[in-house]
Amino acid sequence: MELISSMSNDAVLEYLDKFNCKHSNPRATLDIGFEDQKKLWLTLLELIADPKKKSCLASALNASKILTRNRQLMAQVVKRETLELLLLHGGITSEENLSVREDIEHRDIRAIDESLRSLSNIYLQCAKSDAALSLENDIIAGIIHQVKRYKELKIPLSVMSFDMRLLFLVTAYFPESR
C-alpha cells in the first residue's frame, strides 16, 4: 500500500504507525527504493502542511525524521519551504509570529519534538545546502526568542534539548553567525 495524502486520517495513521514501527531503529537501513523515498517525503510534506490532517501530524513528522537520516535524499529534496514548515511545527518563530508552543493546553509536544528532530537530522546531513544557508539567522533568532520564554510556556526538557542541539549545529556549521 502506498501513502496518499487524500487517504482518510485513520488510514494515514495506520500506514504511518506501521512504517514508523518498522523503521524506528536508526541503525537499520530503509528497505525502500530511492524514488519511493522521494515520493514518500513529498507526501509527508503534504500531510504535515494540511491542517485537516492534524491528527496525523506527529506520526507524519516521525516518519519524516526517519527519512531525514538519508543524506543523499536530503541533498535532493530539502528546500527552504521544507525547513520553514518544520520550523513552524517545531515552534521556532520570530517575535512577530505566534508559535505552536504558546497554546499550552492544545499544543502537541510530540509533534514539536519530532519536527525539531527532523531539523536536527537535516542540518547533520546537509547543513551546507542553499536552503540551510538561507535560514541560519532565522533559526538562531527564533531559538533565542523561544529560550527567553521556556519557563513562561512550561517547555519540556526534550524540546529544550533539541532547541539547543539545533542551535549548536547551526552555529557550528556557520561560525560567522555566532
Protein backbone atom coordinates (compact mmCIF):
# COMPACT_ATOMS: atom_id res chain seq x y z
CA MET A 1 0.00 0.00 0.00
CA GLU A 2 1.26 3.45 -0.89
CA LEU A 3 0.71 6.55 1.24
CA ILE A 4 -1.52 9.09 -0.47
CA SER A 5 -2.39 12.45 1.08
CA SER A 6 -6.08 12.01 0.15
CA MET A 7 -6.42 8.92 2.38
CA SER A 8 -8.59 9.14 5.48
CA ASN A 9 -6.86 10.16 8.71
CA ASP A 10 -7.31 6.65 10.11
CA ALA A 11 -5.74 5.05 7.03
CA VAL A 12 -2.85 7.53 7.12
CA LEU A 13 -2.26 6.81 10.81
CA GLU A 14 -2.35 3.06 10.21
CA TYR A 15 0.20 3.34 7.37
CA LEU A 16 2.47 5.69 9.34
CA ASP A 17 2.33 3.59 12.51
CA LYS A 18 3.46 0.50 10.54
CA PHE A 19 6.20 2.48 8.77
CA ASN A 20 7.44 4.14 11.97
CA CYS A 21 7.45 0.88 13.91
CA LYS A 22 9.29 -1.00 11.15
CA HIS A 23 11.94 1.71 10.64
CA SER A 24 12.33 3.11 14.15
CA ASN A 25 15.85 1.72 14.61
CA PRO A 26 18.24 4.48 13.45
CA ARG A 27 20.93 1.93 12.60
CA ALA A 28 18.75 -0.06 10.22
CA THR A 29 18.70 0.83 6.54
CA LEU A 30 15.44 1.54 4.78
CA ASP A 31 14.19 -1.22 2.52
CA ILE A 32 12.53 1.30 0.22
CA GLY A 33 13.92 2.38 -3.13
CA PHE A 34 15.30 5.89 -3.54
CA GLU A 35 12.48 7.07 -5.82
CA ASP A 36 9.88 5.67 -3.43
CA GLN A 37 11.58 7.53 -0.57
CA LYS A 38 11.32 10.75 -2.59
CA LYS A 39 7.60 10.15 -3.21
CA LEU A 40 7.03 9.35 0.45
CA TRP A 41 8.90 12.50 1.50
CA LEU A 42 6.74 14.70 -0.74
CA THR A 43 3.55 13.03 0.52
CA LEU A 44 4.66 13.50 4.13
CA LEU A 45 5.25 17.21 3.49
CA GLU A 46 1.71 17.48 2.08
CA LEU A 47 0.33 15.78 5.18
CA ILE A 48 2.37 17.97 7.53
CA ALA A 49 1.17 21.13 5.77
CA ASP A 50 -2.50 20.04 5.68
CA PRO A 51 -4.50 21.41 8.66
CA LYS A 52 -7.15 18.70 8.05
CA LYS A 53 -4.54 16.05 8.89
CA LYS A 54 -3.66 17.48 12.31
CA SER A 55 -4.37 14.14 14.00
CA CYS A 56 -1.65 12.60 11.80
CA LEU A 57 0.91 15.35 12.37
CA ALA A 58 3.14 13.71 14.99
CA SER A 59 3.24 10.40 13.10
CA ALA A 60 3.98 12.16 9.80
CA LEU A 61 6.79 14.12 11.45
CA ASN A 62 8.16 10.90 12.97
CA ALA A 63 8.20 9.30 9.50
CA SER A 64 9.89 12.40 8.07
CA LYS A 65 12.53 12.13 10.82
CA ILE A 66 13.24 8.57 9.67
CA LEU A 67 13.72 9.74 6.08
CA THR A 68 15.99 12.60 7.15
CA ARG A 69 18.63 10.02 8.04
CA ASN A 70 19.30 9.56 4.31
CA ARG A 71 21.93 12.11 3.31
CA GLN A 72 21.51 11.61 -0.44
CA LEU A 73 17.76 12.02 -0.22
CA MET A 74 18.01 15.17 1.87
CA ALA A 75 20.54 16.69 -0.51
CA GLN A 76 17.97 16.38 -3.30
CA VAL A 77 14.67 17.17 -1.61
CA VAL A 78 15.29 19.76 1.11
CA LYS A 79 14.14 23.22 0.13
CA ARG A 80 13.70 26.43 2.05
CA GLU A 81 9.93 25.80 2.24
CA THR A 82 10.60 22.41 3.84
CA LEU A 83 12.72 23.96 6.57
CA GLU A 84 10.19 26.75 7.12
CA LEU A 85 7.40 24.18 7.52
CA LEU A 86 9.44 22.17 10.05
CA LEU A 87 10.41 25.35 11.93
CA LEU A 88 6.75 26.35 12.11
CA HIS A 89 5.74 22.96 13.55
CA GLY A 90 8.75 23.00 15.86
CA GLY A 91 7.59 26.32 17.27
CA ILE A 92 10.71 28.22 16.24
CA THR A 93 9.35 31.56 15.13
CA SER A 94 10.34 35.16 15.39
CA GLU A 95 8.79 37.56 17.89
CA GLU A 96 6.19 38.76 15.36
CA ASN A 97 4.73 35.31 14.71
CA LEU A 98 2.76 33.11 17.08
CA SER A 99 4.42 29.84 17.96
CA VAL A 100 2.66 26.47 18.29
CA ARG A 101 4.32 26.34 21.70
CA GLU A 102 2.20 29.20 23.03
CA ASP A 103 -1.11 27.32 23.21
CA ILE A 104 -0.15 25.39 26.34
CA GLU A 105 -3.44 23.45 26.57
CA HIS A 106 -3.64 22.34 22.93
CA ARG A 107 -0.05 22.08 21.76
CA ASP A 108 1.29 18.73 20.60
CA ILE A 109 4.66 18.25 22.30
CA ARG A 110 5.32 15.06 20.34
CA ALA A 111 4.86 16.91 17.03
CA ILE A 112 7.11 19.76 18.21
CA ASP A 113 9.73 17.25 19.30
CA GLU A 114 9.62 15.25 16.04
CA SER A 115 9.85 18.43 13.99
CA LEU A 116 12.96 19.54 15.90
CA ARG A 117 14.47 16.07 15.47
CA SER A 118 13.88 16.24 11.72
CA LEU A 119 15.50 19.67 11.56
CA SER A 120 18.50 18.41 13.52
CA ASN A 121 18.90 15.48 11.16
CA ILE A 122 18.64 17.73 8.13
CA TYR A 123 21.35 20.01 9.49
CA LEU A 124 23.53 16.98 10.23
CA GLN A 125 23.00 15.62 6.71
CA CYS A 126 23.15 18.72 4.52
CA ALA A 127 23.91 21.85 6.52
CA LYS A 128 25.74 23.50 3.64
CA SER A 129 22.74 23.32 1.31
CA ASP A 130 21.32 26.56 -0.05
CA ALA A 131 18.12 26.02 1.93
CA ALA A 132 20.01 25.64 5.21
CA LEU A 133 22.23 28.60 4.45
CA SER A 134 19.24 30.83 3.75
CA LEU A 135 17.64 30.26 7.15
CA GLU A 136 20.54 30.25 9.62
CA ASN A 137 19.76 33.72 11.03
CA ASP A 138 16.02 32.98 11.30
CA ILE A 139 16.73 29.79 13.22
CA ILE A 140 19.10 31.46 15.66
CA ALA A 141 16.75 34.39 16.29
CA GLY A 142 13.78 32.03 16.67
CA ILE A 143 15.53 29.79 19.17
CA ILE A 144 16.79 32.75 21.20
CA HIS A 145 13.25 34.15 21.27
CA GLN A 146 11.90 30.80 22.50
CA VAL A 147 14.65 30.33 25.12
CA LYS A 148 13.52 33.52 26.81
CA ARG A 149 10.05 32.02 27.24
CA TYR A 150 10.81 28.46 28.38
CA LYS A 151 9.61 28.98 31.94
CA GLU A 152 6.55 31.01 30.96
CA LEU A 153 5.43 28.42 28.38
CA LYS A 154 6.40 25.39 30.51
CA ILE A 155 8.52 23.90 27.76
CA PRO A 156 9.54 20.26 28.44
CA LEU A 157 13.18 19.25 28.66
CA SER A 158 13.05 17.23 25.41
CA VAL A 159 12.11 20.33 23.41
CA MET A 160 14.73 22.45 25.18
CA SER A 161 17.45 19.92 24.43
CA PHE A 162 16.60 19.79 20.73
CA ASP A 163 16.46 23.58 20.58
CA MET A 164 20.00 23.62 21.99
CA ARG A 165 21.13 20.86 19.65
CA LEU A 166 19.80 22.75 16.66
CA LEU A 167 21.39 25.98 17.88
CA PHE A 168 24.70 24.15 18.30
CA LEU A 169 24.52 22.64 14.80
CA VAL A 170 23.69 25.94 13.13
CA THR A 171 26.44 27.87 14.94
CA ALA A 172 28.95 25.04 14.41
CA TYR A 173 28.34 24.97 10.65
CA PHE A 174 28.11 28.75 10.34
CA PRO A 175 30.69 30.29 12.73
CA GLU A 176 30.05 33.77 11.34
CA SER A 177 26.55 33.62 12.82
CA ARG A 178 27.76 33.40 16.41
